Structure formats: structure tokens, C-alpha cells
């Protein structure tokens, strides 16, 4: 498949429409990214390009890798009248995303207390597979979370109104309907609100190493090198996974019901205006709101932990949200397409919104740099207002576990001045830095292409893994 790509600039490659494809594919990446791209990943882009109502082009960002139906790190948009909505194209961990939190603390103040801080955070933020939170929600309270999102959190003492102003959708997608969510999804979600989970989810203490755009960084409260930031990456836990699983089954039947032809059964979907499509959209919004709330609850616990360790209020430490955003999501948005404004259902799977002047938080692999970037008009023109979401895996989790030893990874991180703690050594092994793409190539691709210019570079000094 790679031989079919046509380079149109230093960082843009087109997979031309052929055969049953209705539109082109577009890949954002430098030569190193393209050289490492799997044919199977390109094949998935071609498969999605065959779907009904798809809008040109199907985009793969520089972190793209083989996934369920659509590669992780990809974006596909569909006509709001003649297109489809797909649970698989959104992903299982609905609104897996990031909160970035600033502080006015410096490396010199934090590093001497890092071991104490990591232990305190590990105690305050429940981690691991199947972990249960400290909250005891009633059924009524859970329904409120699903519909009101972070408004519920602020009303109940988790976060402040200023947090909502610094979050995508202000921490709540309107139109969520909890009646479209199964009892099983609610049962799984009820005890897990306020938990980090496992896999690639993490809580990271970071230091600022470089500021590329001082004006934009200052607006975000990032003003100097060695300033300490916090990055929280997690999603909708078992709740979102169950919503996705439930609707995949429903949409598999919808494919037959509506006579939809697919190149891959993992692309199960439903017409945008069908019950199977709109019911999923409303349930997905519930999972989005659950996830936004999950991160804000933990953000408040992080603040309280810093208060205990450093003996100051979180306000004195200026621990405000830099920005909060989501990755796996479907949104109804408007773009100029072929010279006309058009509404489309944008499916971002492992992709970050990159609207002009809005922060795009891009996580590196454990032990490597992460970046704050900003969206651009070029992203609106080329990638449906989207950028990459992280370094992107270059090795499966099973392969990483077979190749790396968790204890050795922990020692390696310590040699770089990074204190790491996890629920088990296996977690560190599967998330080893070498299991991911080189984040410098990923960022160069979106920065130099103009999709999302870099603003701030940070490096980890403490890592908490589920």
C-alpha cells in the first residue's frame, strides 16, 4: 500500500482514490513517519474511504497506527444528511483525553519532595485495571453526571467554574440522553468515577524545557523554563467501553437492516438520521461527559494532594487548568467544503481538536517529552480541525511486554531523573518508551506542516501509571 502514496509536500502524502474508494486519504508525516507506517494502517484508511457519505479526505495524523476499523490517530468526516455515524470509528475509550494543570512551582521546589509527592498521589488517585473510586454515587447522581458533565463536578466541589472555561465543550456536550445508555454500562461506570485506570493512562509531573510561542504560552499561564506542570491522561473507563460495545452490536445489525456495504465489519455504523445512529450519538455524549467529569474530579484530588505536600493552597500555587480536551469522539461541526459551508459528523479516533487559537495537548511516551501546541486555520482546511494526540504506538502491548522488563524500565527512568510508580512492573513494560514512535518526528510533522504549531515542550520528572 505504501507505494501508492503520493507526496504533495514535505509533510503531506495522499492516498489517491481508486477502486471502491469514494475519497482520497491524507497522511500527515515526515519521511521517518511514512517509512514506519504499516501497510495495514494505510489499508484501513482506504477501507474507511469507501463508506457512504464520507467527505474528502480520510486523514491519518503523524501518530497513526493500526486500530479497530480506523487507525488510532485518524479523522473521518461524514455528510450530516447522507452519511453515517459509527461507534467503531469513535473508539472504545470514549473521550480518552488530557487535562493539563499549571503550577507556579519550580523544579527546584518539587524534585526534593518527588518521592513523597508520587506516593501521596498514588494514594489519592485510584489506579489500575478495574479500580474503584472514592465516590459513592446514587443512580440519580450518575445520571446527572452523564447529562451535566463537569457542571455536576463544580456543583459538588470538584473543580471551579474557571476549569470549565478552559475545557473543550466547557466540560459538557449538550444533548446527552442517559436513557440511551444500558443498565450494564451504568453499573460499570457508577463505582469508577474518579479513577485513572490502566494501559496508556497516566498522571505525570512535568517540567517546562522550552517555550516556542511566548505570547500564547503566557495566555495559558506558562511563563518560564523549569515551571512545573501536571498532565492527566485517562478516559471514560468501563462505562465508555460498555457504551461502545453495546452500540457496536446494534450497528452491526443496522448495517444489514439498511443494506450498507463495508470493506471491514469493524466499521459497523448506521445512517446519521436513523435511531441506531442518533441513539449512539446521545449515549456517546454521556460517555464524553462522564470522562470530562472523571478527569476534573481527579484534578481536584491532585490539587488537594499538592496542598498537603507543599503546605500551600492550590490557589496560592496557581493550580488552574491550562486546558482539557478529548480524543475519541464524534462531533457535528461545520466546515467550508468545496467552497460551501457544510455540516459533517467528524469522527476523531485518537485525534485532538486543533481549532485556531485553541491549545492542542499532545502526550509523548512515558519518559519522553510532551507538547502543548495550538490549532490553526490550516487544520480547518486540511484535517477537519484536528491534530495528533500522542506519540502513537510502534509496538503492540504484548510485544512490549515480551521485550521489556518493568523493573528495568523503572531503573532506566530513574537514571534520567524520573520517579515512576505503577500498580505492577508489567504496566511499565507495556508502556516502555521504545514501544512508541519518536515523539520528535510526530511533533515535527504537525508543527512544520502548520496543522498545530508547537508552543511549549515539557519533560516528565514524575510518572504515575495504572
Protein backbone atom coordinates (compact mmCIF):
# COMPACT_ATOMS: atom_id res chain seq x y z
CA UNK A 1 0.00 0.00 0.00
CA UNK A 2 2.82 2.41 0.78
CA UNK A 3 3.89 2.56 -2.86
CA UNK A 4 0.50 4.12 -3.69
CA UNK A 5 1.18 7.22 -1.58
CA UNK A 6 1.91 10.43 -3.46
CA UNK A 7 3.96 13.08 -1.68
CA UNK A 8 2.49 16.56 -2.17
CA UNK A 9 4.68 18.43 0.35
CA UNK A 10 7.39 17.69 2.90
CA UNK A 11 4.70 16.62 5.40
CA UNK A 12 1.65 15.63 3.34
CA UNK A 13 1.02 12.39 1.47
CA UNK A 14 -2.09 11.50 -0.49
CA UNK A 15 -3.55 8.04 -0.94
CA UNK A 16 -5.37 8.64 -4.26
CA UNK A 17 -8.95 7.49 -4.66
CA UNK A 18 -9.13 4.21 -6.56
CA UNK A 19 -11.42 1.21 -6.88
CA UNK A 20 -14.29 1.43 -4.40
CA UNK A 21 -12.83 4.44 -2.57
CA UNK A 22 -15.14 7.47 -2.63
CA UNK A 23 -12.48 9.94 -1.47
CA UNK A 24 -8.71 10.27 -1.04
CA UNK A 25 -6.71 9.51 2.04
CA UNK A 26 -4.36 12.13 3.52
CA UNK A 27 -1.44 11.35 5.80
CA UNK A 28 0.44 13.99 7.78
CA UNK A 29 4.01 12.87 8.47
CA UNK A 30 7.69 13.42 7.76
CA UNK A 31 9.68 10.78 5.90
CA UNK A 32 10.53 8.89 9.09
CA UNK A 33 6.83 8.64 9.97
CA UNK A 34 5.93 7.40 6.49
CA UNK A 35 8.78 4.87 6.47
CA UNK A 36 7.48 3.40 9.72
CA UNK A 37 3.84 3.32 8.63
CA UNK A 38 2.33 -0.15 8.30
CA UNK A 39 0.57 -1.19 5.10
CA UNK A 40 -2.32 -2.41 7.25
CA UNK A 41 -2.75 1.12 8.61
CA UNK A 42 -2.90 2.56 5.10
CA UNK A 43 -5.33 -0.21 4.17
CA UNK A 44 -7.67 0.87 6.95
CA UNK A 45 -7.68 4.42 5.59
CA UNK A 46 -8.66 3.03 2.18
CA UNK A 47 -11.46 0.98 3.78
CA UNK A 48 -12.98 3.99 5.52
CA UNK A 49 -12.74 5.98 2.27
CA UNK A 50 -15.31 3.53 0.83
CA UNK A 51 -18.02 4.28 3.40
CA UNK A 52 -21.28 6.03 2.45
CA UNK A 53 -21.35 9.81 2.75
CA UNK A 54 -17.66 10.10 3.55
CA UNK A 55 -16.17 13.57 2.99
CA UNK A 56 -12.77 14.08 1.34
CA UNK A 57 -10.23 13.23 2.75
CA UNK A 58 -9.93 10.49 5.38
CA UNK A 59 -6.99 11.77 7.45
CA UNK A 60 -4.24 9.94 9.29
CA UNK A 61 -2.11 12.08 11.59
CA UNK A 62 1.55 11.54 12.36
CA UNK A 63 0.80 9.24 15.33
CA UNK A 64 -1.43 6.92 13.28
CA UNK A 65 -1.18 3.18 13.82
CA UNK A 66 -3.35 0.12 13.18
CA UNK A 67 -6.52 0.08 15.24
CA UNK A 68 -10.09 -1.21 15.37
CA UNK A 69 -11.55 -0.41 11.94
CA UNK A 70 -10.00 3.05 11.68
CA UNK A 71 -6.37 3.61 12.71
CA UNK A 72 -5.72 5.31 16.01
CA UNK A 73 -4.61 8.84 15.19
CA UNK A 74 -7.14 9.36 12.40
CA UNK A 75 -10.10 11.52 11.44
CA UNK A 76 -13.08 10.74 9.19
CA UNK A 77 -15.98 13.07 8.43
CA UNK A 78 -19.40 12.18 7.03
CA UNK A 79 -22.21 14.17 5.44
CA UNK A 80 -24.76 15.28 8.06
CA UNK A 81 -27.66 14.12 5.87
CA UNK A 82 -26.38 11.23 3.75
CA UNK A 83 -23.53 9.93 5.90
CA UNK A 84 -23.15 7.54 8.79
CA UNK A 85 -22.26 7.53 12.50
CA UNK A 86 -20.02 4.74 13.74
CA UNK A 87 -19.23 3.52 17.24
CA UNK A 88 -16.13 1.75 15.91
CA UNK A 89 -14.80 4.88 14.24
CA UNK A 90 -15.02 6.70 17.56
CA UNK A 91 -13.29 4.02 19.62
CA UNK A 92 -13.90 2.08 22.81
CA UNK A 93 -12.40 4.54 25.31
CA UNK A 94 -14.79 7.38 24.50
CA UNK A 95 -13.29 10.78 25.35
CA UNK A 96 -9.97 9.37 26.39
CA UNK A 97 -8.31 12.74 26.85
CA UNK A 98 -5.97 15.06 28.71
CA UNK A 99 -6.11 17.73 31.40
CA UNK A 100 -3.06 19.95 31.72
CA UNK A 101 -2.72 21.76 35.04
CA UNK A 102 -0.20 24.51 35.68
CA UNK A 103 1.56 25.46 38.90
CA UNK A 104 3.84 28.33 39.87
CA UNK A 105 6.20 25.82 41.48
CA UNK A 106 9.66 25.19 40.05
CA UNK A 107 11.71 22.05 39.57
CA UNK A 108 13.94 23.13 42.46
CA UNK A 109 10.93 23.15 44.80
CA UNK A 110 9.33 19.92 43.59
CA UNK A 111 12.15 17.46 42.88
CA UNK A 112 13.35 17.18 46.53
CA UNK A 113 9.83 16.09 47.50
CA UNK A 114 9.09 14.00 44.42
CA UNK A 115 9.08 10.60 46.15
CA UNK A 116 6.71 11.90 48.80
CA UNK A 117 4.53 13.55 46.15
CA UNK A 118 4.28 10.44 43.97
CA UNK A 119 3.37 8.25 46.94
CA UNK A 120 0.73 10.75 48.05
CA UNK A 121 -0.74 10.97 44.56
CA UNK A 122 -0.78 7.17 44.28
CA UNK A 123 -2.83 7.07 47.48
CA UNK A 124 -5.17 9.87 46.39
CA UNK A 125 -5.90 8.82 42.80
CA UNK A 126 -7.20 5.23 42.40
CA UNK A 127 -5.24 3.41 39.66
CA UNK A 128 -5.22 0.08 37.86
CA UNK A 129 -7.49 -2.27 35.93
CA UNK A 130 -10.97 -2.39 37.46
CA UNK A 131 -10.07 0.17 40.11
CA UNK A 132 -12.96 1.69 42.02
CA UNK A 133 -13.18 5.31 43.05
CA UNK A 134 -13.76 7.00 46.38
CA UNK A 135 -17.09 8.44 45.27
CA UNK A 136 -20.35 6.75 46.19
CA UNK A 137 -22.80 7.85 43.54
CA UNK A 138 -26.54 7.26 43.62
CA UNK A 139 -28.24 6.28 40.38
CA UNK A 140 -29.68 9.79 40.19
CA UNK A 141 -26.26 11.39 40.67
CA UNK A 142 -24.75 9.24 37.91
CA UNK A 143 -27.50 10.33 35.51
CA UNK A 144 -26.66 13.94 36.42
CA UNK A 145 -23.01 13.34 35.61
CA UNK A 146 -23.93 11.85 32.24
CA UNK A 147 -26.09 14.83 31.26
CA UNK A 148 -24.39 17.76 33.02
CA UNK A 149 -20.75 16.66 32.88
CA UNK A 150 -18.36 18.97 34.68
CA UNK A 151 -21.18 21.25 35.78
CA UNK A 152 -22.05 18.46 38.19
CA UNK A 153 -18.44 18.29 39.35
CA UNK A 154 -18.23 22.02 40.13
CA UNK A 155 -21.62 21.98 41.88
CA UNK A 156 -20.30 19.20 44.11
CA UNK A 157 -16.95 20.75 44.99
CA UNK A 158 -14.76 19.13 42.35
CA UNK A 159 -13.12 21.96 40.45
CA UNK A 160 -14.23 25.56 39.88
CA UNK A 161 -16.03 27.46 37.15
CA UNK A 162 -12.70 28.63 35.73
CA UNK A 163 -11.85 24.98 34.94
CA UNK A 164 -14.88 24.75 32.66
CA UNK A 165 -13.81 27.86 30.75
CA UNK A 166 -10.54 26.05 29.93
CA UNK A 167 -12.06 22.81 28.63
CA UNK A 168 -13.31 21.60 25.28
CA UNK A 169 -17.12 21.89 25.22
CA UNK A 170 -16.75 23.59 28.62
CA UNK A 171 -16.70 20.07 30.04
CA UNK A 172 -20.15 19.08 28.78
CA UNK A 173 -21.52 18.01 25.40
CA UNK A 174 -25.12 19.16 25.15
CA UNK A 175 -27.75 16.65 24.04
CA UNK A 176 -26.68 13.68 26.15
CA UNK A 177 -29.53 11.29 27.00
CA UNK A 178 -28.90 8.79 29.78
CA UNK A 179 -31.95 6.75 28.75
CA UNK A 180 -29.93 5.64 25.70
CA UNK A 181 -27.31 4.03 27.97
CA UNK A 182 -27.63 0.41 29.07
CA UNK A 183 -28.00 -0.61 32.70
CA UNK A 184 -24.77 -2.59 32.38
CA UNK A 185 -22.83 0.49 31.26
CA UNK A 186 -24.22 2.44 34.22
CA UNK A 187 -23.38 -0.42 36.58
CA UNK A 188 -19.77 -0.43 35.33
CA UNK A 189 -19.46 3.35 35.45
CA UNK A 190 -21.00 4.02 38.83
CA UNK A 191 -18.05 2.86 41.00
CA UNK A 192 -15.30 4.05 38.64
CA UNK A 193 -15.81 7.80 38.53
CA UNK A 194 -12.59 9.41 39.78
CA UNK A 195 -10.21 6.64 38.71
CA UNK A 196 -7.16 6.66 36.45
CA UNK A 197 -7.41 3.15 35.05
CA UNK A 198 -4.54 1.36 33.32
CA UNK A 199 -2.92 0.95 29.91
CA UNK A 200 -1.64 4.20 28.46
CA UNK A 201 -3.41 6.28 31.10
CA UNK A 202 -1.09 8.26 33.33
CA UNK A 203 -0.56 11.12 35.73
CA UNK A 204 2.67 12.94 35.02
CA UNK A 205 4.57 15.71 36.83
CA UNK A 206 6.42 17.71 34.19
CA UNK A 207 8.96 20.49 33.84
CA UNK A 208 8.92 23.12 31.10
CA UNK A 209 12.07 22.81 28.97
CA UNK A 210 11.26 25.10 26.02
CA UNK A 211 8.79 27.84 25.16
CA UNK A 212 8.41 28.44 21.41
CA UNK A 213 5.49 30.88 21.43
CA UNK A 214 5.83 33.12 24.47
CA UNK A 215 2.70 35.17 23.78
CA UNK A 216 0.40 32.15 23.52
CA UNK A 217 2.13 30.33 26.39
CA UNK A 218 1.69 33.36 28.65
CA UNK A 219 -2.06 33.33 27.96
CA UNK A 220 -2.05 29.76 29.26
CA UNK A 221 -0.11 30.71 32.40
CA UNK A 222 3.11 29.05 31.25
CA UNK A 223 5.81 31.69 31.62
CA UNK A 224 9.23 30.18 32.35
CA UNK A 225 11.53 27.22 31.97
CA UNK A 226 11.56 24.73 34.86
CA UNK A 227 7.97 25.65 35.73
CA UNK A 228 6.12 22.53 36.92
CA UNK A 229 3.01 21.36 35.08
CA UNK A 230 0.84 18.27 35.55
CA UNK A 231 -0.65 16.15 32.76
CA UNK A 232 -3.54 13.80 33.45
CA UNK A 233 -4.46 11.32 30.70
CA UNK A 234 -7.43 8.97 31.06
CA UNK A 235 -10.90 8.28 29.72
CA UNK A 236 -14.40 7.00 30.39
CA UNK A 237 -13.27 3.70 31.91
CA UNK A 238 -15.62 0.71 31.81
CA UNK A 239 -18.59 2.99 31.22
CA UNK A 240 -17.39 4.23 27.82
CA UNK A 241 -16.17 0.79 26.83
CA UNK A 242 -19.60 -0.68 27.51
CA UNK A 243 -21.39 2.08 25.59
CA UNK A 244 -19.15 1.37 22.60
CA UNK A 245 -19.62 -2.40 22.89
CA UNK A 246 -23.40 -2.10 23.18
CA UNK A 247 -23.74 0.09 20.11
CA UNK A 248 -21.29 -1.90 18.01
CA UNK A 249 -23.72 -4.81 18.31
CA UNK A 250 -26.65 -2.55 17.48
CA UNK A 251 -24.86 -1.04 14.49
CA UNK A 252 -23.72 -4.43 13.19
CA UNK A 253 -27.43 -5.23 12.80
CA UNK A 254 -28.06 -1.77 11.33
CA UNK A 255 -25.56 -2.48 8.55
CA UNK A 256 -27.72 -5.40 7.43
CA UNK A 257 -31.00 -3.56 8.02
CA UNK A 258 -30.03 -0.58 5.84
CA UNK A 259 -28.02 -2.54 3.28
CA UNK A 260 -24.73 -0.77 3.96
CA UNK A 261 -21.70 -2.23 2.17
CA UNK A 262 -18.49 -2.24 4.24
CA UNK A 263 -14.93 -3.28 3.46
CA UNK A 264 -14.44 -4.32 7.09
CA UNK A 265 -17.09 -5.45 9.59
CA UNK A 266 -15.27 -3.46 12.29
CA UNK A 267 -16.61 -0.35 10.54
CA UNK A 268 -20.13 -1.11 11.74
CA UNK A 269 -22.26 2.04 11.51
CA UNK A 270 -25.74 3.41 10.98
CA UNK A 271 -27.22 6.20 8.83
CA UNK A 272 -26.88 9.58 10.58
CA UNK A 273 -30.62 10.13 10.89
CA UNK A 274 -31.52 6.58 11.96
CA UNK A 275 -32.40 5.64 15.54
CA UNK A 276 -29.31 3.42 15.63
CA UNK A 277 -27.16 6.41 14.67
CA UNK A 278 -28.72 9.12 16.83
CA UNK A 279 -29.21 6.89 19.89
CA UNK A 280 -25.49 6.14 19.79
CA UNK A 281 -24.68 9.84 19.40
CA UNK A 282 -26.70 10.66 22.53
CA UNK A 283 -25.17 7.77 24.52
CA UNK A 284 -21.68 8.68 23.34
CA UNK A 285 -22.21 12.21 24.68
CA UNK A 286 -23.00 10.64 28.07
CA UNK A 287 -19.63 8.88 27.97
CA UNK A 288 -17.91 12.10 26.89
CA UNK A 289 -19.44 13.92 29.87
CA UNK A 290 -18.53 11.07 32.22
CA UNK A 291 -14.92 11.28 31.08
CA UNK A 292 -14.68 15.06 31.38
CA UNK A 293 -16.03 14.72 34.92
CA UNK A 294 -13.70 11.83 35.73
CA UNK A 295 -10.67 13.98 34.92
CA UNK A 296 -11.93 17.04 36.79
CA UNK A 297 -12.64 15.02 39.93
CA UNK A 298 -9.08 13.70 39.85
CA UNK A 299 -7.76 17.18 39.07
CA UNK A 300 -9.25 18.37 42.36
CA UNK A 301 -7.71 15.45 44.25
CA UNK A 302 -4.35 16.29 42.66
CA UNK A 303 -4.71 19.86 43.92
CA UNK A 304 -5.53 18.67 47.42
CA UNK A 305 -2.51 16.34 47.37
CA UNK A 306 -0.20 19.19 46.39
CA UNK A 307 -1.68 21.23 49.26
CA UNK A 308 -0.76 18.50 51.76
CA UNK A 309 2.76 18.02 50.42
CA UNK A 310 3.71 21.67 49.91
CA UNK A 311 1.69 23.33 52.68
CA UNK A 312 0.05 25.91 50.42
CA UNK A 313 -3.46 26.26 49.00
CA UNK A 314 -3.87 25.19 45.40
CA UNK A 315 -4.84 28.76 44.59
CA UNK A 316 -1.55 30.00 46.05
CA UNK A 317 0.22 27.50 43.79
CA UNK A 318 -1.85 28.74 40.80
CA UNK A 319 -3.03 25.20 40.03
CA UNK A 320 -5.50 26.16 37.35
CA UNK A 321 -6.43 24.14 34.27
CA UNK A 322 -4.29 25.05 31.26
CA UNK A 323 -6.70 23.16 29.04
CA UNK A 324 -8.72 19.95 28.94
CA UNK A 325 -9.60 18.08 25.77
CA UNK A 326 -10.90 14.81 24.38
CA UNK A 327 -9.56 12.33 21.83
CA UNK A 328 -12.08 9.63 20.88
CA UNK A 329 -15.25 11.50 19.98
CA UNK A 330 -17.87 12.19 17.31
CA UNK A 331 -18.99 15.79 16.76
CA UNK A 332 -21.33 17.64 14.46
CA UNK A 333 -19.22 20.52 13.10
CA UNK A 334 -19.27 22.94 10.18
CA UNK A 335 -16.53 23.34 7.57
CA UNK A 336 -16.09 25.02 4.22
CA UNK A 337 -16.11 22.12 1.74
CA UNK A 338 -15.80 22.78 -1.99
CA UNK A 339 -16.47 26.46 -1.32
CA UNK A 340 -19.64 25.95 0.72
CA UNK A 341 -20.33 25.69 4.44
CA UNK A 342 -21.32 22.15 5.27
CA UNK A 343 -22.17 20.30 8.48
CA UNK A 344 -20.45 16.97 8.96
CA UNK A 345 -20.12 14.31 11.64
CA UNK A 346 -16.41 14.32 12.45
CA UNK A 347 -15.08 11.09 13.99
CA UNK A 348 -11.80 11.75 15.83
CA UNK A 349 -10.21 8.49 16.88
CA UNK A 350 -7.05 9.10 18.87
CA UNK A 351 -7.03 12.63 17.48
CA UNK A 352 -7.08 16.05 19.10
CA UNK A 353 -9.24 19.02 18.18
CA UNK A 354 -6.99 21.75 16.71
CA UNK A 355 -9.22 24.76 16.10
CA UNK A 356 -7.48 28.12 15.53
CA UNK A 357 -6.10 29.62 18.73
CA UNK A 358 -7.10 26.62 20.87
CA UNK A 359 -4.49 24.53 22.74
CA UNK A 360 -3.75 21.04 21.45
CA UNK A 361 -2.19 18.86 24.16
CA UNK A 362 -0.02 16.10 22.74
CA UNK A 363 1.39 13.46 25.07
CA UNK A 364 4.70 11.74 24.47
CA UNK A 365 5.52 8.22 25.55
CA UNK A 366 6.43 7.57 29.16
CA UNK A 367 9.84 9.09 29.79
CA UNK A 368 9.85 11.35 26.72
CA UNK A 369 8.69 14.88 26.03
CA UNK A 370 5.09 16.05 25.65
CA UNK A 371 3.94 19.24 23.97
CA UNK A 372 1.39 21.99 24.15
CA UNK A 373 0.59 23.04 20.59
CA UNK A 374 -2.10 25.28 19.16
CA UNK A 375 -4.67 24.75 16.44
CA UNK A 376 -4.65 26.59 13.14
CA UNK A 377 -6.64 27.62 10.08
CA UNK A 378 -4.63 25.05 8.11
CA UNK A 379 -6.03 22.31 10.33
CA UNK A 380 -9.53 23.55 9.50
CA UNK A 381 -8.72 23.37 5.79
CA UNK A 382 -6.84 20.07 5.72
CA UNK A 383 -7.70 17.80 8.69
CA UNK A 384 -11.17 18.82 9.88
CA UNK A 385 -9.68 20.93 12.69
CA UNK A 386 -7.64 18.04 14.06
CA UNK A 387 -4.11 17.11 15.10
CA UNK A 388 -2.35 14.07 16.53
CA UNK A 389 -2.95 13.05 20.16
CA UNK A 390 0.35 11.48 21.22
CA UNK A 391 3.44 9.61 20.14
CA UNK A 392 1.48 6.66 18.75
CA UNK A 393 2.44 3.05 19.32
CA UNK A 394 5.03 1.36 17.14
CA UNK A 395 4.78 -1.94 19.00
CA UNK A 396 1.80 -3.86 20.41
CA UNK A 397 1.37 -4.17 24.15
CA UNK A 398 2.02 -7.91 24.04
CA UNK A 399 5.21 -7.37 22.05
CA UNK A 400 6.35 -4.72 24.51
CA UNK A 401 5.72 -7.00 27.49
CA UNK A 402 7.71 -9.75 25.78
CA UNK A 403 10.63 -7.43 25.02
CA UNK A 404 10.90 -5.19 28.09
CA UNK A 405 11.06 -5.74 31.83
CA UNK A 406 9.18 -3.31 34.03
CA UNK A 407 11.84 -3.12 36.72
CA UNK A 408 14.47 -2.30 34.13
CA UNK A 409 12.27 0.43 32.68
CA UNK A 410 11.82 1.92 36.15
CA UNK A 411 15.60 1.91 36.69
CA UNK A 412 16.15 3.48 33.26
CA UNK A 413 13.65 6.24 34.06
CA UNK A 414 15.31 6.85 37.43
CA UNK A 415 18.66 7.33 35.66
CA UNK A 416 17.00 10.19 33.77
CA UNK A 417 15.74 11.76 36.99
CA UNK A 418 12.18 10.45 36.59
CA UNK A 419 10.42 8.91 39.59
CA UNK A 420 7.95 6.28 38.34
CA UNK A 421 5.33 4.28 40.21
CA UNK A 422 2.81 1.78 38.86
CA UNK A 423 0.42 -0.89 40.09
CA UNK A 424 2.73 -3.56 38.60
CA UNK A 425 6.01 -3.84 36.65
CA UNK A 426 4.04 -5.22 33.68
CA UNK A 427 2.41 -1.81 33.19
CA UNK A 428 5.80 -0.14 32.84
CA UNK A 429 6.89 -2.80 30.36
CA UNK A 430 3.89 -2.42 28.05
CA UNK A 431 4.26 1.37 28.13
CA UNK A 432 8.04 1.40 27.58
CA UNK A 433 9.19 4.49 25.63
CA UNK A 434 10.62 2.34 22.82
CA UNK A 435 7.18 0.83 22.24
CA UNK A 436 6.15 4.20 20.79
CA UNK A 437 7.11 6.33 17.82
CA UNK A 438 9.73 9.03 18.23
CA UNK A 439 7.66 11.95 19.51
CA UNK A 440 10.06 14.43 17.89
CA UNK A 441 9.06 13.10 14.45
CA UNK A 442 5.38 13.17 15.38
CA UNK A 443 5.57 16.77 16.56
CA UNK A 444 7.79 17.95 13.71
CA UNK A 445 5.14 16.67 11.30
CA UNK A 446 2.22 18.61 12.77
CA UNK A 447 4.33 21.67 13.63
CA UNK A 448 6.13 22.10 10.31
CA UNK A 449 3.00 21.25 8.31
CA UNK A 450 1.23 24.09 10.13
CA UNK A 451 -1.54 21.84 11.46
CA UNK A 452 -0.69 22.60 15.10
CA UNK A 453 2.43 24.71 15.74
CA UNK A 454 4.26 23.87 18.97
CA UNK A 455 4.04 26.27 21.91
CA UNK A 456 5.63 24.54 24.92
CA UNK A 457 7.79 21.45 25.42
CA UNK A 458 7.74 19.60 28.74
CA UNK A 459 9.60 16.58 30.13
CA UNK A 460 8.47 14.23 32.91
CA UNK A 461 10.05 14.29 36.36
CA UNK A 462 7.45 12.02 37.97
CA UNK A 463 5.15 9.39 36.45
CA UNK A 464 2.17 7.55 37.92
CA UNK A 465 0.81 4.62 35.88
CA UNK A 466 -2.21 2.42 36.44
